Protein backbone atom coordinates (compact mmCIF):
# COMPACT_ATOMS: atom_id res chain seq x y z
CA UNK A 1 21.47 8.47 28.86
CA UNK A 2 21.20 7.42 25.20
CA UNK A 3 19.04 4.42 26.17
CA UNK A 4 16.83 6.72 28.23
CA UNK A 5 16.37 9.15 25.31
CA UNK A 6 15.48 6.31 22.93
CA UNK A 7 12.95 4.99 25.44
CA UNK A 8 11.49 8.48 25.84
CA UNK A 9 11.15 8.87 22.07
CA UNK A 10 9.46 5.49 21.83
CA UNK A 11 6.93 6.43 24.50
CA UNK A 12 6.25 9.78 22.82
CA UNK A 13 5.86 8.09 19.43
CA UNK A 14 3.44 5.54 20.87
CA UNK A 15 1.39 8.34 22.34
CA UNK A 16 1.00 9.92 18.93
CA UNK A 17 -0.27 6.65 17.50
CA UNK A 18 -3.15 6.26 19.96
CA UNK A 19 -5.42 8.95 18.62
CA UNK A 20 -6.63 9.74 15.11
CA UNK A 21 -6.96 13.42 15.94
CA UNK A 22 -3.62 14.08 17.60
CA UNK A 23 -1.69 15.11 14.50
CA UNK A 24 -1.84 18.86 13.83
CA UNK A 25 -3.55 19.23 17.23
CA UNK A 26 -0.63 19.03 19.66
CA UNK A 27 0.45 22.09 21.63
CA UNK A 28 3.83 23.51 20.73
CA UNK A 29 5.52 22.58 24.01
CA UNK A 30 4.59 18.92 23.60
CA UNK A 31 6.62 18.30 20.45
CA UNK A 32 9.45 15.87 19.94
CA UNK A 33 12.66 17.22 21.45
CA UNK A 34 15.37 15.40 19.51
CA UNK A 35 18.98 15.14 20.59
CA UNK A 36 21.21 16.22 17.74
CA UNK A 37 23.28 13.03 17.52
CA UNK A 38 22.93 11.12 14.24
CA UNK A 39 22.37 7.83 16.05
CA UNK A 40 19.26 9.25 17.76
CA UNK A 41 17.96 10.69 14.51
CA UNK A 42 18.41 7.36 12.77
CA UNK A 43 16.39 5.65 15.51
CA UNK A 44 13.57 8.12 14.91
CA UNK A 45 13.94 7.57 11.16
CA UNK A 46 13.41 3.83 11.55
CA UNK A 47 10.20 4.50 13.48
CA UNK A 48 9.05 6.87 10.74
CA UNK A 49 8.48 4.04 8.25
CA UNK A 50 4.74 3.69 7.60
CA UNK A 51 2.83 0.45 7.92
CA UNK A 52 0.46 -0.80 5.21
CA UNK A 53 -2.45 1.16 6.61
CA UNK A 54 -4.23 1.03 3.25
CA UNK A 55 -5.05 -2.67 3.44
CA UNK A 56 -8.67 -1.87 4.31
CA UNK A 57 -9.15 -0.96 0.63
CA UNK A 58 -9.48 -4.66 -0.23
CA UNK A 59 -13.08 -4.42 1.02
CA UNK A 60 -13.77 -1.64 -1.49
CA UNK A 61 -12.83 -3.74 -4.51
CA UNK A 62 -14.32 -6.42 -6.74
CA UNK A 63 -12.01 -9.02 -5.19
CA UNK A 64 -14.62 -9.94 -2.59
CA UNK A 65 -18.29 -10.89 -2.41
CA UNK A 66 -20.45 -10.57 0.69
CA UNK A 67 -22.25 -13.53 2.23
CA UNK A 68 -24.77 -11.89 4.54
CA UNK A 69 -25.74 -15.03 6.47
CA UNK A 70 -22.17 -15.52 7.69
CA UNK A 71 -21.69 -12.04 9.16
CA UNK A 72 -21.77 -11.59 12.91
CA UNK A 73 -24.35 -8.95 13.79
CA UNK A 74 -21.95 -6.69 15.67
CA UNK A 75 -19.63 -6.46 12.65
CA UNK A 76 -22.12 -4.82 10.30
CA UNK A 77 -21.58 -1.24 11.46
CA UNK A 78 -17.82 -1.70 11.18
CA UNK A 79 -17.54 -3.06 7.66
CA UNK A 80 -20.75 -2.61 5.64
CA UNK A 81 -20.48 1.20 5.21
CA UNK A 82 -17.02 0.78 3.68
CA UNK A 83 -18.25 -2.01 1.42
CA UNK A 84 -21.01 0.31 0.18
CA UNK A 85 -18.55 3.19 -0.37
CA UNK A 86 -20.28 5.40 2.19
CA UNK A 87 -18.68 8.43 3.82
CA UNK A 88 -20.01 7.51 7.27
CA UNK A 89 -18.09 4.57 8.72
CA UNK A 90 -16.80 3.49 12.11
CA UNK A 91 -13.57 5.44 12.53
CA UNK A 92 -12.51 3.48 15.60
CA UNK A 93 -11.99 0.42 13.42
CA UNK A 94 -8.31 -0.49 13.32
CA UNK A 95 -8.49 -0.99 9.55
CA UNK A 96 -10.22 2.13 8.23
CA UNK A 97 -9.63 5.41 6.38
CA UNK A 98 -9.55 7.29 9.70
CA UNK A 99 -6.76 5.14 11.08
CA UNK A 100 -4.83 5.38 7.81
CA UNK A 101 -5.07 9.18 7.65
CA UNK A 102 -3.76 9.60 11.20
CA UNK A 103 -1.03 7.00 10.73
CA UNK A 104 0.46 8.47 7.56
CA UNK A 105 0.48 12.01 8.95
CA UNK A 106 2.15 10.75 12.11
CA UNK A 107 4.92 9.29 9.95
CA UNK A 108 5.19 12.54 7.99
CA UNK A 109 5.64 14.36 11.31
CA UNK A 110 8.47 11.98 12.24
CA UNK A 111 10.17 12.42 8.86
CA UNK A 112 9.87 16.20 9.10
CA UNK A 113 11.37 16.10 12.59
CA UNK A 114 14.40 14.19 11.33
CA UNK A 115 14.88 16.54 8.35
CA UNK A 116 14.77 19.63 10.55
CA UNK A 117 17.07 18.25 13.25
CA UNK A 118 19.66 17.17 10.69
CA UNK A 119 20.37 20.82 9.94
CA UNK A 120 21.54 21.25 13.55
CA UNK A 121 23.13 17.83 14.02
CA UNK A 122 26.84 17.17 14.16
CA UNK A 123 28.46 14.20 12.49
CA UNK A 124 29.58 12.80 9.16
CA UNK A 125 28.16 14.94 6.33
CA UNK A 126 27.79 11.97 4.00
CA UNK A 127 25.82 10.06 6.62
CA UNK A 128 23.61 13.12 7.12
CA UNK A 129 22.86 13.11 3.39
CA UNK A 130 21.87 9.45 3.56
CA UNK A 131 19.56 10.05 6.54
CA UNK A 132 17.91 13.06 4.91
CA UNK A 133 17.50 11.20 1.63
CA UNK A 134 15.79 8.31 3.40
CA UNK A 135 13.54 10.70 5.35
CA UNK A 136 12.48 12.35 2.08
CA UNK A 137 11.66 8.95 0.56
CA UNK A 138 9.56 8.06 3.61
CA UNK A 139 7.69 11.37 3.45
CA UNK A 140 7.01 10.97 -0.26
CA UNK A 141 5.74 7.41 0.25
CA UNK A 142 3.35 8.58 2.99
CA UNK A 143 2.02 11.39 0.81
CA UNK A 144 1.66 9.05 -2.16
CA UNK A 145 -0.49 6.77 0.00
CA UNK A 146 -2.57 9.67 1.31
CA UNK A 147 -3.26 11.35 -2.03
CA UNK A 148 -4.26 8.06 -3.65
CA UNK A 149 -6.61 7.23 -0.80
CA UNK A 150 -8.26 10.63 -0.28
CA UNK A 151 -7.92 12.20 -3.73
CA UNK A 152 -9.06 11.29 -7.22
CA UNK A 153 -6.66 9.34 -9.40
CA UNK A 154 -4.06 11.55 -11.09
CA UNK A 155 -5.50 12.96 -14.31
CA UNK A 156 -3.46 15.45 -16.32
CA UNK A 157 -6.61 17.33 -17.34
CA UNK A 158 -8.04 17.74 -13.81
CA UNK A 159 -5.19 17.23 -11.31
CA UNK A 160 -4.62 20.99 -10.95
CA UNK A 161 -8.14 21.39 -9.52
CA UNK A 162 -8.84 17.99 -7.94
CA UNK A 163 -8.49 18.11 -4.16
CA UNK A 164 -5.52 16.28 -2.70
CA UNK A 165 -4.43 16.37 0.95
CA UNK A 166 -2.78 19.01 3.15
CA UNK A 167 0.96 19.39 2.57
CA UNK A 168 2.85 19.69 5.86
CA UNK A 169 6.54 20.07 5.04
CA UNK A 170 7.90 21.16 8.41
CA UNK A 171 7.21 20.55 12.06
CA UNK A 172 4.35 22.94 12.95
CA UNK A 173 5.54 25.76 15.20
CA UNK A 174 2.13 27.14 16.20
CA UNK A 175 -0.43 25.57 18.51
CA UNK A 176 -3.27 23.95 16.49
CA UNK A 177 -2.14 25.12 13.05
CA UNK A 178 -4.61 24.86 10.18
CA UNK A 179 -3.67 23.44 6.79
CA UNK A 180 -5.66 23.68 3.56
CA UNK A 181 -5.81 20.85 1.10
CA UNK A 182 -3.37 21.02 -1.78
CA UNK A 183 -4.44 19.86 -5.23
CA UNK A 184 -3.60 16.40 -6.51
CA UNK A 185 -1.04 17.97 -8.84
CA UNK A 186 0.61 19.91 -6.03
CA UNK A 187 0.89 16.77 -3.90
CA UNK A 188 2.35 14.76 -6.78
CA UNK A 189 4.78 17.57 -7.56
CA UNK A 190 5.96 17.50 -3.94
CA UNK A 191 6.20 13.71 -3.97
CA UNK A 192 8.40 13.76 -7.05
CA UNK A 193 10.50 16.63 -5.69
CA UNK A 194 11.14 14.66 -2.48
CA UNK A 195 11.86 11.47 -4.41
CA UNK A 196 14.33 13.08 -6.76
CA UNK A 197 16.15 14.91 -3.97
CA UNK A 198 16.06 11.83 -1.78
CA UNK A 199 17.49 9.62 -4.52
CA UNK A 200 20.31 12.10 -5.23
CA UNK A 201 21.23 12.28 -1.54
CA UNK A 202 21.13 8.51 -1.12
CA UNK A 203 23.39 8.03 -4.12
CA UNK A 204 25.92 10.30 -2.42
CA UNK A 205 25.50 8.50 0.90
CA UNK A 206 25.02 4.99 -0.44
CA UNK A 207 27.70 3.58 1.85
CA UNK A 208 25.39 4.39 4.77
CA UNK A 209 22.29 2.74 3.30
CA UNK A 210 21.35 -0.22 5.52
CA UNK A 211 21.17 -3.70 4.06
CA UNK A 212 17.72 -4.66 5.32
CA UNK A 213 14.44 -5.37 3.53
CA UNK A 214 12.63 -3.12 6.01
CA UNK A 215 14.26 0.10 4.79
CA UNK A 216 14.60 1.68 1.36
CA UNK A 217 17.23 0.23 -0.97
CA UNK A 218 18.06 1.41 -4.46
CA UNK A 219 15.91 -1.40 -5.87
CA UNK A 220 12.84 -0.45 -3.82
CA UNK A 221 13.36 3.25 -4.60
CA UNK A 222 13.33 2.49 -8.32
CA UNK A 223 10.25 0.30 -7.77
CA UNK A 224 8.63 3.32 -6.10
CA UNK A 225 9.51 5.51 -9.10
CA UNK A 226 8.05 2.82 -11.36
CA UNK A 227 4.74 2.87 -9.46
CA UNK A 228 4.46 6.67 -9.39
CA UNK A 229 5.16 6.78 -13.13
CA UNK A 230 2.51 4.10 -13.73
CA UNK A 231 -0.12 6.05 -11.79
CA UNK A 232 0.71 9.21 -13.74
CA UNK A 233 0.69 7.39 -17.07
CA UNK A 234 4.33 8.23 -17.84
CA UNK A 235 4.95 4.96 -19.66
CA UNK A 236 8.52 5.57 -20.80
CA UNK A 237 9.48 6.36 -17.19
CA UNK A 238 7.79 3.18 -15.98
CA UNK A 239 10.11 1.19 -18.26
CA UNK A 240 13.14 3.27 -17.31
CA UNK A 241 12.75 2.82 -13.56
CA UNK A 242 11.62 -0.79 -13.81
CA UNK A 243 14.80 -1.48 -15.78
CA UNK A 244 16.83 0.15 -13.00
CA UNK A 245 15.10 -1.95 -10.33
CA UNK A 246 15.81 -5.11 -12.30
CA UNK A 247 19.43 -4.01 -12.79
CA UNK A 248 19.80 -3.73 -9.01
CA UNK A 249 18.29 -7.12 -8.10
CA UNK A 250 17.77 -9.17 -11.24
CA UNK A 251 14.46 -10.75 -12.20
CA UNK A 252 13.83 -12.32 -8.79
CA UNK A 253 10.40 -13.93 -8.62
CA UNK A 254 8.90 -15.87 -5.73
CA UNK A 255 9.16 -19.64 -6.30
CA UNK A 256 5.60 -20.70 -5.51
CA UNK A 257 6.50 -24.38 -5.72
CA UNK A 258 8.69 -23.95 -2.63
CA UNK A 259 5.83 -22.21 -0.83
CA UNK A 260 3.37 -24.94 -1.74
CA UNK A 261 5.75 -27.63 -0.54
CA UNK A 262 6.20 -25.74 2.74
CA UNK A 263 2.43 -25.62 3.17
CA UNK A 264 2.03 -29.34 2.46
CA UNK A 265 4.75 -30.36 4.89
CA UNK A 266 3.78 -27.99 7.73
CA UNK A 267 0.44 -26.18 7.98
CA UNK A 268 -1.53 -23.34 6.49
CA UNK A 269 -0.75 -21.28 9.58
CA UNK A 270 2.97 -21.74 9.03
CA UNK A 271 2.54 -20.91 5.34
CA UNK A 272 0.86 -17.65 6.31
CA UNK A 273 3.56 -16.84 8.85
CA UNK A 274 6.38 -17.42 6.37
CA UNK A 275 4.92 -16.21 3.08
CA UNK A 276 6.54 -12.78 3.41
CA UNK A 277 9.68 -13.94 5.23
CA UNK A 278 12.50 -11.97 3.56
CA UNK A 279 15.05 -14.70 4.19
CA UNK A 280 13.24 -17.01 1.76
CA UNK A 281 11.36 -14.58 -0.49
CA UNK A 282 12.68 -11.82 -2.77
CA UNK A 283 10.68 -8.83 -1.53
CA UNK A 284 12.04 -5.33 -2.20
CA UNK A 285 10.56 -3.47 0.79
CA UNK A 286 8.62 -4.87 3.74
CA UNK A 287 6.97 -3.47 6.81
CA UNK A 288 6.49 -5.46 10.00
CA UNK A 289 3.38 -4.70 12.02
CA UNK A 290 1.45 -6.23 14.87
CA UNK A 291 -1.69 -8.29 14.38
CA UNK A 292 -3.61 -6.04 16.75
CA UNK A 293 -3.12 -3.01 14.50
CA UNK A 294 -4.85 -4.05 11.30
CA UNK A 295 -4.99 -7.81 11.12
CA UNK A 296 -8.50 -7.94 9.69
CA UNK A 297 -9.03 -5.65 6.69
CA UNK A 298 -11.98 -7.83 5.62
CA UNK A 299 -13.00 -8.93 9.10
CA UNK A 300 -11.41 -12.40 9.17
CA UNK A 301 -14.26 -14.98 8.93
CA UNK A 302 -16.63 -12.88 11.01
CA UNK A 303 -18.01 -10.50 8.38
CA UNK A 304 -18.92 -12.71 5.44
CA UNK A 305 -16.51 -11.23 2.89
CA UNK A 306 -15.09 -13.96 0.68
CA UNK A 307 -13.13 -14.15 -2.55
CA UNK A 308 -15.11 -13.26 -5.66
CA UNK A 309 -16.42 -16.29 -7.52
CA UNK A 310 -14.92 -15.23 -10.84
CA UNK A 311 -11.51 -15.57 -9.19
CA UNK A 312 -12.00 -18.53 -6.87
CA UNK A 313 -13.87 -20.81 -9.25
CA UNK A 314 -11.93 -19.90 -12.39
CA UNK A 315 -8.44 -20.44 -10.98
CA UNK A 316 -7.22 -23.91 -11.97
CA UNK A 317 -5.24 -26.15 -9.63
CA UNK A 318 -2.36 -25.91 -12.09
CA UNK A 319 -1.98 -22.28 -11.00
CA UNK A 320 -0.07 -22.52 -7.72
CA UNK A 321 -1.52 -19.17 -6.64
CA UNK A 322 -4.68 -21.15 -5.92
CA UNK A 323 -2.84 -22.46 -2.87
CA UNK A 324 -3.03 -18.98 -1.33
CA UNK A 325 -6.81 -19.38 -1.10
CA UNK A 326 -8.06 -20.61 2.29
CA UNK A 327 -11.24 -22.54 1.57
CA UNK A 328 -14.33 -22.67 3.76
CA UNK A 329 -18.10 -22.87 3.53
CA UNK A 330 -20.01 -25.94 2.37
CA UNK A 331 -19.83 -28.36 -0.52
CA UNK A 332 -22.79 -26.53 -2.05
CA UNK A 333 -21.35 -23.06 -1.69
CA UNK A 334 -17.59 -23.15 -1.15
CA UNK A 335 -15.89 -19.88 -0.24
CA UNK A 336 -12.33 -18.75 0.33
CA UNK A 337 -10.14 -16.04 1.78
CA UNK A 338 -6.66 -15.02 0.61
CA UNK A 339 -3.73 -16.13 2.77
CA UNK A 340 -0.77 -13.85 2.18
CA UNK A 341 0.00 -12.48 5.64
CA UNK A 342 0.51 -14.21 8.98
CA UNK A 343 -2.51 -12.83 10.77
CA UNK A 344 -4.97 -12.72 7.90
CA UNK A 345 -7.06 -14.74 7.60
CA UNK A 346 -6.25 -18.04 9.29
CA UNK A 347 -3.78 -17.09 12.01
CA UNK A 348 -5.33 -14.06 13.71
CA UNK A 349 -3.33 -14.46 16.92
CA UNK A 350 0.07 -14.20 15.26
CA UNK A 351 2.34 -11.76 17.07
CA UNK A 352 3.33 -9.85 13.94
CA UNK A 353 3.06 -9.86 10.17
CA UNK A 354 5.23 -8.70 7.34
CA UNK A 355 3.44 -6.72 4.64
CA UNK A 356 4.97 -5.98 1.27
CA UNK A 357 5.40 -2.40 0.06
CA UNK A 358 7.23 -3.27 -3.17
CA UNK A 359 7.99 -6.54 -4.93
CA UNK A 360 9.75 -7.47 -8.16
CA UNK A 361 6.50 -9.03 -9.38
CA UNK A 362 4.85 -5.61 -9.26
CA UNK A 363 7.82 -4.07 -11.10
CA UNK A 364 7.51 -6.62 -13.90
CA UNK A 365 3.75 -6.10 -14.12
CA UNK A 366 4.26 -2.34 -14.29
CA UNK A 367 6.79 -2.73 -17.08
CA UNK A 368 4.65 -5.21 -19.01
CA UNK A 369 1.74 -2.77 -19.01
CA UNK A 370 3.97 0.13 -20.01
CA UNK A 371 5.37 -1.82 -22.96
CA UNK A 372 1.82 -1.98 -24.31
CA UNK A 373 0.94 1.67 -23.69
CA UNK A 374 4.00 3.38 -25.19
CA UNK A 375 3.86 4.97 -28.64
CA UNK A 376 5.26 1.81 -30.27
CA UNK A 377 3.84 -1.11 -28.24
CA UNK A 378 6.01 -4.18 -27.77
CA UNK A 379 3.89 -7.28 -27.18
CA UNK A 380 6.91 -9.59 -27.11
CA UNK A 381 8.64 -7.76 -24.24
CA UNK A 382 5.38 -7.41 -22.32
CA UNK A 383 4.73 -11.14 -22.49
CA UNK A 384 8.31 -11.91 -21.47
CA UNK A 385 7.71 -10.11 -18.18
CA UNK A 386 4.40 -11.93 -17.70
CA UNK A 387 5.98 -15.29 -18.42
CA UNK A 388 8.82 -14.58 -15.97
CA UNK A 389 6.13 -14.63 -13.27
CA UNK A 390 4.02 -17.46 -14.72
CA UNK A 391 7.04 -19.79 -14.91
CA UNK A 392 7.03 -19.83 -11.12
CA UNK A 393 3.23 -20.08 -10.86
CA UNK A 394 1.98 -22.62 -13.40
CA UNK A 395 2.69 -26.34 -13.15
CA UNK A 396 3.24 -27.92 -15.54
CA UNK A 397 4.34 -24.66 -17.11
CA UNK A 398 3.07 -23.78 -20.57
CA UNK A 399 3.53 -20.33 -22.05
CA UNK A 400 0.45 -18.40 -23.10
CA UNK A 401 -0.19 -17.98 -26.83
CA UNK A 402 1.20 -14.68 -28.09
CA UNK A 403 -1.70 -12.20 -28.20
CA UNK A 404 -2.59 -11.08 -31.70
CA UNK A 405 -3.32 -7.46 -30.78
CA UNK A 406 -2.12 -4.89 -28.26
CA UNK A 407 -5.58 -4.76 -26.69
CA UNK A 408 -5.60 -8.53 -26.19
CA UNK A 409 -2.10 -8.38 -24.71
CA UNK A 410 -3.15 -5.59 -22.33
CA UNK A 411 -6.16 -7.60 -21.20
CA UNK A 412 -3.83 -10.51 -20.44
CA UNK A 413 -1.42 -8.31 -18.49
CA UNK A 414 -4.20 -6.75 -16.40
CA UNK A 415 -5.70 -10.17 -15.69
CA UNK A 416 -2.33 -11.44 -14.49
CA UNK A 417 -1.83 -8.28 -12.43
CA UNK A 418 -5.11 -8.83 -10.58
CA UNK A 419 -4.31 -12.47 -9.94
CA UNK A 420 -0.73 -11.92 -8.82
CA UNK A 421 -1.43 -9.00 -6.48
CA UNK A 422 -4.74 -10.19 -5.05
CA UNK A 423 -5.04 -9.66 -1.32
CA UNK A 424 -2.03 -7.32 -1.24
CA UNK A 425 -3.94 -4.02 -1.17
CA UNK A 426 -3.32 -2.81 -4.74
CA UNK A 427 -6.60 -3.60 -6.49
CA UNK A 428 -8.38 -0.42 -5.29
CA UNK A 429 -5.74 1.78 -6.89
CA UNK A 430 -6.03 -0.18 -10.14
CA UNK A 431 -9.81 0.24 -10.10
CA UNK A 432 -9.28 4.00 -9.77
CA UNK A 433 -6.62 4.40 -12.41
CA UNK A 434 -8.26 2.03 -14.93
CA UNK A 435 -11.73 3.52 -14.44
CA UNK A 436 -13.47 0.20 -13.75
CA UNK A 437 -17.17 -0.26 -13.01
CA UNK A 438 -17.78 -2.25 -9.82
CA UNK A 439 -20.98 -3.71 -8.39
CA UNK A 440 -21.47 -4.62 -4.72
CA UNK A 441 -24.28 -6.75 -3.34
CA UNK A 442 -25.13 -7.29 0.33
CA UNK A 443 -26.49 -10.68 -0.71
CA UNK A 444 -24.21 -12.22 -3.30
CA UNK A 445 -26.99 -13.91 -5.27
CA UNK A 446 -29.12 -10.77 -5.65
CA UNK A 447 -29.99 -10.01 -9.25
CA UNK A 448 -29.67 -6.28 -8.69
CA UNK A 449 -26.59 -4.71 -7.07
CA UNK A 450 -27.12 -2.64 -3.93
CA UNK A 451 -24.62 -0.07 -5.11
CA UNK A 452 -22.55 0.57 -8.23
CA UNK A 453 -19.25 2.39 -8.52
CA UNK A 454 -19.04 3.95 -11.96
CA UNK A 455 -15.76 4.65 -13.81
CA UNK A 456 -14.02 7.69 -12.30
CA UNK A 457 -16.71 7.85 -9.61
CA UNK A 458 -16.25 10.72 -7.13
CA UNK A 459 -16.47 8.18 -4.31
CA UNK A 460 -13.12 6.74 -5.32
CA UNK A 461 -11.71 9.73 -3.43
CA UNK A 462 -12.42 8.58 0.12
CA UNK A 463 -13.91 11.33 2.25
CA UNK A 464 -11.62 13.14 4.69
CA UNK A 465 -12.18 11.45 8.09
CA UNK A 466 -14.22 13.24 10.75
CA UNK A 467 -11.43 13.07 13.32
CA UNK A 468 -9.07 14.79 10.87
CA UNK A 469 -11.61 17.59 10.46
CA UNK A 470 -11.86 18.00 14.22
CA UNK A 471 -8.10 18.59 14.41
CA UNK A 472 -8.08 20.80 11.31
CA UNK A 473 -11.49 22.55 11.00
CA UNK A 474 -10.56 24.27 7.73
CA UNK A 475 -11.10 20.88 6.05
CA UNK A 476 -14.85 21.13 6.67
CA UNK A 477 -15.09 23.49 3.69
CA UNK A 478 -12.80 21.36 1.53
CA UNK A 479 -14.53 18.00 1.50
CA UNK A 480 -14.49 15.68 -1.49
CA UNK A 481 -17.46 16.40 -3.76
CA UNK A 482 -20.21 13.84 -4.02
């Protein structure tokens, strides 16, 4: 019977994933009917973990140039509108804002279902606290992804009026319920409320926390707090939570020399398959997802999006991160993609990939930046965090000269951040929070850009997808301003 129920839940969950407009549009009698046993709830909880559905944002950044003559004609409608920051794009694309919106709300629905059923479930009370705490962390992570995709970056002066996303904090009881958009501040307040409650519950139920890189640990929770604090500009908290993450795991940094040796002795395909393997790399939280779901956020080699020249041509061979670039093109005009996941870009038929949600490298980069933005900046500590990463990246290793000013040190930290996290789906959020000006050209060599994204541009808040508006018509009057 238990196996049958699990199978039934899996089928129901899969059904929810097949349509971008299903969430908030299901009739009441078609909802999940969960058995009250904790083992069943934990199975649902595992399925509630979101994938990295925000990887499509790489195409929105300055990490890539477009080479028009290498794009297959049928790919233009799928990728060019996103590259030009347009509101009208192909929502059926597996790597798109529409898919991301539906996916994250589906995971919120699952987390809400677990939270509600726990109140009726029988079993160990401490285990119930651990399950609820984990469900709250999952829900907060999904909302953090949604508000940073579809809202403006958090700004203390405007967050109380900037549009965020709808807050759905319980399983809807009515047929086709309508939800208004909350403000960015309201969404962040809910995120932090869930995180704080979730952390408290998980501390009480720590004995029930699983030892797996695919579910929240104390280290990845503190890394999450570090990121939220960074995005809000709470610099002292960035340092506080980064310190806690380091205290849990130590300064564990990927040894790129081992990766490079693995690539030289096997193949680039094997390198891509293993680069996020948790048994050989110190990731804090991973998600495993199939290649068919979002394996091509920049269209593989079919769409003509290749690594920006200022990155590709300026990265020396002494920087082992250069080995993550998959070269192509001609001798005259060499191009490259970034190889950090099994199915993107050089192994598109891989059965599954592991994507990173949190890494120690990001924690150190967060802390290094915070050290330079606090009231009394500390260049020495900031550079220590940067050098902890560079020691495993540069060969032969030589430390950078100590920057003479805080501004110079910050420029160094942000340059290292871009290089270290390239291809991992974080650059778009940095563009938003740093207020960077970005130019995109349909033909890379054009003297004039086709479109420019100005600092704090309204288009950095991606428009609410059409399919979401169909399921929740009230959103039609709450669109992001342009």
